[in-house]
Amino acid sequence: MGNTLQIVLTGGTGFIGRPLCASLCQEGHRITLLTRRKEEAQRLCGPSVTAVEWNGREAGAWERCLEDADAVVNLAGAPIADGRWTDARMRLLSESRVAATRLLAEAISRRTSKPRTLISASGIGYYGASDDHVLDEGAPRGEGFLTDLCLAWEAEALRAAEFGLRVVLLRTGMVLEQDGGALPKMLLPFRLFAGGPIMSGTQWVSWIHRQDHIGLIQWLLTTPRISGPVNAVAPEAVTMKRFCEVLGQVLHRPSWLPVPGFALYAALGELGTLMTTGQRVTPAKALSEGYVFHYPMLEPALRAIMAKE
């Protein structure tokens, strides 16, 4: 790949995609954004991005943009934590990831000139609930809805390797920033002096500052020796209790009121499993291959985020 890349991006108006899009453009890369809302996406992302209509379910004229692409970054998918996991919601979570990734892989297979790289989102939910064991990219799959979702999602992305692409599976932890993800949901009780760990607080939280998540994607685009799963988490996993203690310190609020499990399940249903089970995940591959984290430790990461208020 040359210095300037032609990149096709799905999920480019979301919590990760929009700042990633801006950062890639700032570096001089040319971005084509596949989107369900072309006009809105063009307005959000600016004139340096080419927005192309797709619905994530059907082949069409959008496939032509893959012909000239160096890389595809696939972040498509309905937000995991935006609503109760009803049967309908779980179908949406699955279809918006698995079907869209299958569609991309099939479209790439039909191109005469193919991209060299596919970076496709996944999650540390692949590993299932775990105890204190440290999990690197070689750890086995777990059990449960999120594991099954990640497995199906990754399987569709890996189809692109069959016709010569370098495929990277980005297994992402809890992404921290003020304007989305889990953190804003956790801030409110602390600001009301009612913050605290969920249940016992012994479950592990594997997190990453959004700047590092974006940085990892950019680094992977230009590091062709890396393929397969890559854990997108910071080096310092912490327990939920420690996470809440640090958050309380940064906000100058106490962390004393544990959230009981029954209350969480009453409010969130099966979605509550995201907060009550955890994984102690390490970014072994990124560290061994030389990625340098901007925020390897939780406290500086949270202080940097809260300093923006």
Protein backbone atom coordinates (compact mmCIF):
# COMPACT_ATOMS: atom_id res chain seq x y z
CA MET A 1 0.00 0.00 0.00
CA GLY A 2 1.14 3.51 -0.69
CA ASN A 3 1.04 6.43 1.69
CA THR A 4 -2.44 7.45 0.56
CA LEU A 5 -5.07 4.74 0.75
CA GLN A 6 -8.49 4.41 -0.86
CA ILE A 7 -10.63 3.09 2.00
CA VAL A 8 -14.23 1.87 1.92
CA LEU A 9 -15.88 2.29 5.33
CA THR A 10 -19.15 0.95 6.73
CA GLY A 11 -20.59 2.26 9.98
CA GLY A 12 -18.92 5.59 9.33
CA THR A 13 -21.49 7.81 11.06
CA GLY A 14 -21.40 5.94 14.38
CA PHE A 15 -19.59 6.37 17.69
CA ILE A 16 -16.34 4.95 16.29
CA GLY A 17 -16.83 5.52 12.59
CA ARG A 18 -17.35 9.25 12.51
CA PRO A 19 -14.15 10.28 14.35
CA LEU A 20 -12.26 7.53 12.49
CA CYS A 21 -13.47 8.99 9.22
CA ALA A 22 -12.29 12.46 10.25
CA SER A 23 -8.90 11.15 11.37
CA LEU A 24 -8.32 9.17 8.17
CA CYS A 25 -9.21 12.19 6.05
CA GLN A 26 -6.83 14.33 8.10
CA GLU A 27 -4.06 11.86 7.23
CA GLY A 28 -4.85 12.32 3.53
CA HIS A 29 -6.62 9.02 2.84
CA ARG A 30 -9.58 8.92 0.44
CA ILE A 31 -12.74 7.62 2.08
CA THR A 32 -15.85 6.12 0.51
CA LEU A 33 -18.60 5.73 3.08
CA LEU A 34 -21.27 3.06 2.56
CA THR A 35 -24.36 4.35 4.33
CA ARG A 36 -28.14 3.98 4.56
CA ARG A 37 -28.55 7.78 4.82
CA LYS A 38 -26.39 9.26 2.09
CA GLU A 39 -27.31 12.92 2.44
CA GLU A 40 -27.05 12.92 6.23
CA ALA A 41 -23.71 11.10 6.08
CA GLN A 42 -22.34 13.55 3.54
CA ARG A 43 -23.37 16.44 5.77
CA LEU A 44 -21.88 14.85 8.91
CA CYS A 45 -18.61 13.77 7.34
CA GLY A 46 -17.97 16.68 4.99
CA PRO A 47 -16.92 17.08 1.36
CA SER A 48 -13.68 15.10 1.72
CA VAL A 49 -15.75 11.89 2.04
CA THR A 50 -17.71 10.25 -0.78
CA ALA A 51 -20.99 8.87 0.56
CA VAL A 52 -22.55 5.95 -1.36
CA GLU A 53 -26.01 4.52 -0.64
CA TRP A 54 -26.36 0.90 0.52
CA ASN A 55 -28.80 -0.88 2.83
CA GLY A 56 -26.47 -3.59 4.12
CA ARG A 57 -28.72 -6.32 2.72
CA GLU A 58 -28.66 -6.17 -1.10
CA ALA A 59 -26.11 -6.14 -3.86
CA GLY A 60 -26.12 -3.07 -6.07
CA ALA A 61 -24.25 -0.23 -7.73
CA TRP A 62 -22.38 0.47 -4.47
CA GLU A 63 -20.16 -2.55 -5.20
CA ARG A 64 -18.25 -0.57 -7.83
CA CYS A 65 -16.47 1.43 -5.12
CA LEU A 66 -14.69 -1.78 -4.03
CA GLU A 67 -12.90 -2.03 -7.37
CA ASP A 68 -10.44 0.78 -6.64
CA ALA A 69 -10.16 0.29 -2.88
CA ASP A 70 -6.97 -0.61 -1.02
CA ALA A 71 -8.83 -1.56 2.16
CA VAL A 72 -12.28 -2.04 3.64
CA VAL A 73 -13.07 -1.16 7.27
CA ASN A 74 -16.32 -2.79 8.35
CA LEU A 75 -17.91 -1.25 11.46
CA ALA A 76 -21.54 -1.86 10.48
CA GLY A 77 -23.93 -2.97 13.22
CA ALA A 78 -26.73 -1.75 15.48
CA PRO A 79 -25.41 -0.53 18.87
CA ILE A 80 -25.17 -3.38 21.40
CA ALA A 81 -26.17 -1.38 24.48
CA ASP A 82 -28.95 0.84 23.13
CA GLY A 83 -31.94 -1.20 24.27
CA ARG A 84 -33.23 -4.31 26.02
CA TRP A 85 -32.27 -7.58 24.35
CA THR A 86 -35.71 -8.65 23.21
CA ASP A 87 -35.89 -11.39 20.59
CA ALA A 88 -36.41 -8.72 17.93
CA ARG A 89 -33.45 -6.70 19.21
CA MET A 90 -31.15 -9.73 19.20
CA ARG A 91 -32.19 -10.49 15.61
CA LEU A 92 -31.34 -6.90 14.66
CA LEU A 93 -27.97 -7.07 16.42
CA SER A 94 -27.16 -10.25 14.53
CA GLU A 95 -28.52 -9.33 11.10
CA SER A 96 -26.98 -5.87 11.08
CA ARG A 97 -23.54 -7.43 11.60
CA VAL A 98 -23.57 -10.90 10.08
CA ALA A 99 -25.65 -10.15 6.99
CA ALA A 100 -23.79 -6.91 6.22
CA THR A 101 -20.40 -8.61 6.54
CA ARG A 102 -21.56 -11.51 4.33
CA LEU A 103 -22.75 -9.00 1.73
CA LEU A 104 -19.39 -7.22 1.74
CA ALA A 105 -17.41 -10.45 1.40
CA GLU A 106 -19.60 -11.65 -1.48
CA ALA A 107 -19.28 -8.29 -3.24
CA ILE A 108 -15.48 -8.35 -2.87
CA SER A 109 -15.37 -11.88 -4.31
CA ARG A 110 -16.98 -10.61 -7.52
CA ARG A 111 -14.50 -7.78 -8.13
CA THR A 112 -11.76 -8.15 -10.72
CA SER A 113 -9.44 -5.88 -8.75
CA LYS A 114 -9.86 -6.61 -5.04
CA PRO A 115 -8.88 -4.66 -1.89
CA ARG A 116 -5.84 -6.05 -0.09
CA THR A 117 -7.20 -5.69 3.44
CA LEU A 118 -10.46 -6.16 5.34
CA ILE A 119 -10.57 -4.91 8.94
CA SER A 120 -13.84 -6.13 10.42
CA ALA A 121 -15.27 -5.32 13.84
CA SER A 122 -15.94 -8.02 16.40
CA GLY A 123 -16.05 -8.06 20.20
CA ILE A 124 -14.39 -9.57 23.25
CA GLY A 125 -17.77 -11.20 23.84
CA TYR A 126 -16.16 -13.93 21.69
CA TYR A 127 -14.43 -15.17 24.86
CA GLY A 128 -17.62 -15.43 26.91
CA ALA A 129 -17.72 -14.84 30.67
CA SER A 130 -14.42 -15.63 32.36
CA ASP A 131 -12.70 -15.54 35.73
CA ASP A 132 -9.28 -14.02 36.51
CA HIS A 133 -7.50 -15.80 33.67
CA VAL A 134 -5.86 -13.39 31.22
CA LEU A 135 -7.18 -13.90 27.68
CA ASP A 136 -5.07 -13.21 24.62
CA GLU A 137 -6.02 -13.69 20.98
CA GLY A 138 -5.37 -17.43 21.21
CA ALA A 139 -7.92 -18.01 23.99
CA PRO A 140 -10.83 -20.32 23.10
CA ARG A 141 -14.36 -19.17 22.38
CA GLY A 142 -16.86 -18.94 25.21
CA GLU A 143 -20.61 -19.52 25.36
CA GLY A 144 -23.73 -17.38 25.10
CA PHE A 145 -25.44 -14.96 22.74
CA LEU A 146 -22.49 -12.59 22.31
CA THR A 147 -20.08 -15.46 21.67
CA ASP A 148 -22.36 -16.91 19.01
CA LEU A 149 -22.81 -13.46 17.45
CA CYS A 150 -19.05 -12.80 17.31
CA LEU A 151 -18.34 -16.26 15.90
CA ALA A 152 -20.88 -15.85 13.06
CA TRP A 153 -19.70 -12.28 12.41
CA GLU A 154 -16.04 -13.30 12.20
CA ALA A 155 -16.82 -16.32 10.01
CA GLU A 156 -18.34 -14.04 7.35
CA ALA A 157 -15.32 -11.72 7.43
CA LEU A 158 -12.90 -14.64 7.16
CA ARG A 159 -14.53 -15.64 3.86
CA ALA A 160 -12.59 -12.74 2.32
CA ALA A 161 -9.32 -14.51 3.18
CA GLU A 162 -10.33 -17.30 0.80
CA PHE A 163 -9.83 -14.95 -2.14
CA GLY A 164 -6.61 -13.37 -0.99
CA LEU A 165 -7.42 -10.55 1.41
CA ARG A 166 -5.61 -9.96 4.67
CA VAL A 167 -8.43 -10.15 7.24
CA VAL A 168 -8.15 -8.53 10.69
CA LEU A 169 -10.83 -9.28 13.29
CA LEU A 170 -10.96 -6.37 15.74
CA ARG A 171 -12.25 -7.79 19.05
CA THR A 172 -13.28 -4.65 20.88
CA GLY A 173 -13.84 -4.09 24.59
CA MET A 174 -15.70 -1.22 26.30
CA VAL A 175 -14.85 1.91 24.27
CA LEU A 176 -14.63 5.00 26.47
CA GLU A 177 -15.60 8.51 25.42
CA GLN A 178 -18.18 11.04 26.57
CA ASP A 179 -20.48 11.07 23.56
CA GLY A 180 -21.43 7.41 23.31
CA GLY A 181 -20.89 3.84 24.42
CA ALA A 182 -21.29 2.70 28.02
CA LEU A 183 -19.57 5.60 29.82
CA PRO A 184 -22.38 8.21 29.63
CA LYS A 185 -24.78 5.63 31.13
CA MET A 186 -22.39 5.18 34.06
CA LEU A 187 -21.79 8.89 34.67
CA LEU A 188 -25.30 9.91 35.73
CA PRO A 189 -25.50 8.00 39.03
CA PHE A 190 -22.04 9.28 40.01
CA ARG A 191 -23.11 12.85 39.35
CA LEU A 192 -26.10 12.22 41.60
CA PHE A 193 -23.76 10.91 44.34
CA ALA A 194 -25.22 7.42 43.88
CA GLY A 195 -22.45 5.76 41.89
CA GLY A 196 -20.94 2.41 42.64
CA PRO A 197 -19.96 -0.98 41.27
CA ILE A 198 -22.41 -3.37 39.69
CA MET A 199 -23.05 -6.24 42.10
CA SER A 200 -19.84 -7.41 43.84
CA GLY A 201 -17.61 -5.55 41.39
CA THR A 202 -15.25 -8.49 40.96
CA GLN A 203 -16.03 -8.90 37.25
CA TRP A 204 -13.32 -7.64 34.91
CA VAL A 205 -13.68 -4.64 32.61
CA SER A 206 -11.53 -4.63 29.48
CA TRP A 207 -11.77 -1.10 28.12
CA ILE A 208 -10.10 1.14 25.53
CA HIS A 209 -10.06 4.91 25.02
CA ARG A 210 -11.70 5.77 21.70
CA GLN A 211 -8.54 7.53 20.55
CA ASP A 212 -6.65 4.26 20.88
CA HIS A 213 -9.40 2.30 19.14
CA ILE A 214 -9.13 4.65 16.18
CA GLY A 215 -5.34 4.60 16.44
CA LEU A 216 -5.32 0.80 16.32
CA ILE A 217 -7.42 0.74 13.16
CA GLN A 218 -5.13 3.26 11.46
CA TRP A 219 -2.05 1.30 12.56
CA LEU A 220 -3.53 -1.99 11.32
CA LEU A 221 -4.28 -0.45 7.93
CA THR A 222 -0.56 0.21 7.44
CA THR A 223 0.88 -2.87 9.19
CA PRO A 224 0.36 -5.62 6.61
CA ARG A 225 2.12 -8.37 8.60
CA ILE A 226 -0.82 -8.56 11.05
CA SER A 227 -3.92 -10.66 10.38
CA GLY A 228 -6.51 -12.62 12.32
CA PRO A 229 -7.93 -11.58 15.70
CA VAL A 230 -6.60 -8.45 17.41
CA ASN A 231 -7.85 -7.50 20.88
CA ALA A 232 -8.80 -3.81 20.90
CA VAL A 233 -8.43 -3.22 24.63
CA ALA A 234 -6.01 -1.24 26.79
CA PRO A 235 -3.18 -3.10 28.57
CA GLU A 236 -4.73 -2.40 32.00
CA ALA A 237 -7.90 -4.40 32.54
CA VAL A 238 -9.54 -3.56 35.88
CA THR A 239 -12.31 -4.98 38.04
CA MET A 240 -15.68 -3.23 37.95
CA LYS A 241 -15.08 -2.14 41.56
CA ARG A 242 -11.75 -0.54 40.62
CA PHE A 243 -13.27 1.05 37.50
CA CYS A 244 -15.96 2.71 39.61
CA GLU A 245 -13.44 3.80 42.26
CA VAL A 246 -11.31 5.53 39.63
CA LEU A 247 -14.37 7.09 37.98
CA GLY A 248 -15.49 8.40 41.38
CA GLN A 249 -12.03 9.89 42.03
CA VAL A 250 -11.96 11.61 38.65
CA LEU A 251 -15.48 13.02 39.19
CA HIS A 252 -14.82 13.83 42.87
CA ARG A 253 -17.76 11.64 43.80
CA PRO A 254 -18.06 8.66 46.14
CA SER A 255 -18.30 5.11 44.81
CA TRP A 256 -20.29 3.42 47.50
CA LEU A 257 -23.68 2.19 46.26
CA PRO A 258 -23.50 -1.22 44.57
CA VAL A 259 -26.13 -1.90 41.90
CA PRO A 260 -27.88 -5.21 42.75
CA GLY A 261 -28.14 -7.78 40.01
CA PHE A 262 -31.92 -8.10 40.18
CA ALA A 263 -32.33 -4.35 39.60
CA LEU A 264 -30.05 -4.48 36.59
CA TYR A 265 -31.93 -7.40 35.03
CA ALA A 266 -35.26 -5.68 35.74
CA ALA A 267 -34.05 -2.59 33.89
CA LEU A 268 -32.02 -4.16 31.09
CA GLY A 269 -33.07 -7.78 30.72
CA GLU A 270 -30.46 -9.99 29.07
CA LEU A 271 -28.49 -6.86 28.16
CA GLY A 272 -27.53 -6.81 31.85
CA THR A 273 -25.11 -9.66 31.13
CA LEU A 274 -22.83 -7.06 29.53
CA MET A 275 -22.39 -5.44 32.94
CA THR A 276 -22.45 -8.49 35.20
CA THR A 277 -20.00 -10.74 33.36
CA GLY A 278 -16.56 -9.74 32.22
CA GLN A 279 -13.33 -10.83 30.62
CA ARG A 280 -9.75 -10.05 31.57
CA VAL A 281 -8.44 -9.45 28.06
CA THR A 282 -4.95 -8.38 27.03
CA PRO A 283 -3.94 -6.73 23.71
CA ALA A 284 -1.10 -9.23 23.30
CA LYS A 285 -0.83 -8.99 19.52
CA ALA A 286 -0.87 -5.18 19.38
CA LEU A 287 1.78 -4.93 22.11
CA SER A 288 4.08 -7.57 20.64
CA GLU A 289 3.86 -6.00 17.17
CA GLY A 290 4.67 -2.50 18.41
CA TYR A 291 1.47 -0.49 18.79
CA VAL A 292 2.02 2.24 21.41
CA PHE A 293 -1.10 3.06 23.42
CA HIS A 294 -1.90 6.70 24.12
CA TYR A 295 -3.88 5.63 27.20
CA PRO A 296 -2.63 2.30 28.60
CA MET A 297 -3.92 3.10 32.12
CA LEU A 298 -7.50 3.83 33.20
CA GLU A 299 -7.09 6.92 35.37
CA PRO A 300 -5.29 9.09 32.76
CA ALA A 301 -7.81 7.90 30.16
CA LEU A 302 -10.81 8.96 32.26
CA ARG A 303 -9.15 12.25 33.24
CA ALA A 304 -8.52 13.07 29.58
CA ILE A 305 -12.15 12.31 28.72
CA MET A 306 -13.64 14.28 31.62
CA ALA A 307 -11.31 17.25 30.99
CA LYS A 308 -13.34 17.96 27.83
CA GLU A 309 -16.40 19.02 29.84
